[in-house]
């Protein structure tokens, strides 16, 4: 029991630290661009392999905005999808009960 509790606590701590680190890195577009540029320059200095170029600032901004729009578009559809799934589940349950009552 105690071992399981320690394992779960450890996983929560690791997950929390990872989320905190990601929130610091991805807090804004400008910070993300700075972090990517820094990582790119450090990587190119230390690895003598021809790496593909990172996306430009404009491409990052467009991707960032399209990602946000996609997420909120999906969130906008959640109530409609939940309603449809609920109706479908209710009708399936009705049919199942009718079949069982025969």
Protein backbone atom coordinates (compact mmCIF):
# COMPACT_ATOMS: atom_id res chain seq x y z
CA UNK A 1 0.00 0.00 0.00
CA UNK A 2 2.73 2.44 0.98
CA UNK A 3 4.81 1.48 -2.06
CA UNK A 4 1.83 2.13 -4.35
CA UNK A 5 1.24 5.48 -2.68
CA UNK A 6 4.88 6.46 -3.18
CA UNK A 7 4.74 5.38 -6.84
CA UNK A 8 1.59 7.41 -7.49
CA UNK A 9 3.01 10.44 -5.67
CA UNK A 10 6.22 10.15 -7.70
CA UNK A 11 4.28 10.02 -10.95
CA UNK A 12 2.26 13.09 -9.97
CA UNK A 13 5.42 14.98 -9.05
CA UNK A 14 7.12 14.08 -12.33
CA UNK A 15 4.01 14.99 -14.30
CA UNK A 16 3.64 18.28 -12.44
CA UNK A 17 7.26 19.20 -13.06
CA UNK A 18 6.91 18.32 -16.75
CA UNK A 19 3.79 20.47 -17.05
CA UNK A 20 5.49 23.32 -15.24
CA UNK A 21 8.50 23.07 -17.54
CA UNK A 22 6.32 23.01 -20.64
CA UNK A 23 4.28 25.96 -19.42
CA UNK A 24 7.49 27.94 -18.98
CA UNK A 25 8.75 27.02 -22.45
CA UNK A 26 5.42 27.43 -24.24
CA UNK A 27 4.08 30.41 -22.28
CA UNK A 28 3.94 32.71 -25.30
CA UNK A 29 4.84 32.73 -28.96
CA UNK A 30 7.84 34.98 -28.49
CA UNK A 31 9.22 32.86 -25.65
CA UNK A 32 8.71 29.71 -27.71
CA UNK A 33 10.52 31.23 -30.69
CA UNK A 34 13.43 32.29 -28.45
CA UNK A 35 13.62 28.82 -26.89
CA UNK A 36 13.53 27.10 -30.31
CA UNK A 37 16.24 29.40 -31.64
CA UNK A 38 18.43 28.74 -28.62
CA UNK A 39 17.93 24.96 -28.88
CA UNK A 40 18.62 25.10 -32.63
CA UNK A 41 21.85 27.04 -32.23
CA UNK A 42 23.10 24.81 -29.38
CA UNK A 43 22.22 21.67 -31.35
CA UNK A 44 23.95 22.88 -34.51
CA UNK A 45 27.09 23.74 -32.51
CA UNK A 46 27.30 20.35 -30.80
CA UNK A 47 26.10 17.94 -33.50
CA UNK A 48 28.08 17.93 -36.73
CA UNK A 49 25.18 16.68 -38.85
CA UNK A 50 23.23 18.64 -41.44
CA UNK A 51 19.91 19.22 -39.74
CA UNK A 52 16.86 20.59 -41.54
CA UNK A 53 16.09 24.25 -40.95
CA UNK A 54 13.62 25.18 -38.26
CA UNK A 55 10.40 26.86 -39.35
CA UNK A 56 10.45 30.62 -39.67
CA UNK A 57 8.86 32.94 -37.14
CA UNK A 58 5.91 33.52 -39.47
CA UNK A 59 5.34 29.78 -39.87
CA UNK A 60 5.42 29.29 -36.10
CA UNK A 61 2.89 32.07 -35.57
CA UNK A 62 0.57 30.61 -38.22
CA UNK A 63 0.87 27.11 -36.78
CA UNK A 64 0.31 28.41 -33.27
CA UNK A 65 -2.84 30.24 -34.30
CA UNK A 66 -4.21 27.34 -36.36
CA UNK A 67 -3.61 24.99 -33.42
CA UNK A 68 -5.49 27.26 -31.05
CA UNK A 69 -8.34 27.61 -33.55
CA UNK A 70 -8.51 23.83 -34.03
CA UNK A 71 -8.62 23.18 -30.28
CA UNK A 72 -11.35 25.73 -29.64
CA UNK A 73 -13.27 24.57 -32.72
CA UNK A 74 -13.22 21.06 -31.28
CA UNK A 75 -14.32 22.32 -27.89
CA UNK A 76 -17.16 24.16 -29.57
CA UNK A 77 -18.41 20.88 -31.05
CA UNK A 78 -18.34 18.95 -27.76
CA UNK A 79 -21.91 19.79 -26.63
CA UNK A 80 -23.39 18.84 -30.01
CA UNK A 81 -21.40 15.60 -30.16
CA UNK A 82 -22.33 14.75 -26.57
CA UNK A 83 -26.01 15.36 -27.33
CA UNK A 84 -25.88 13.16 -30.43
CA UNK A 85 -24.06 10.38 -28.58
CA UNK A 86 -26.57 10.64 -25.72
CA UNK A 87 -29.52 10.35 -28.12
CA UNK A 88 -27.91 7.40 -29.86
CA UNK A 89 -27.17 5.69 -26.54
CA UNK A 90 -30.70 6.30 -25.28
CA UNK A 91 -32.26 4.88 -28.45
CA UNK A 92 -29.94 1.86 -28.32
CA UNK A 93 -30.85 1.32 -24.67
CA UNK A 94 -34.59 1.53 -25.53
CA UNK A 95 -34.17 -0.99 -28.33
CA UNK A 96 -32.19 -3.30 -26.08
CA UNK A 97 -34.83 -3.14 -23.34
CA UNK A 98 -37.61 -3.79 -25.88
CA UNK A 99 -35.72 -6.81 -27.17
CA UNK A 100 -35.24 -8.13 -23.66
CA UNK A 101 -38.92 -7.64 -22.76
CA UNK A 102 -40.12 -9.89 -25.61
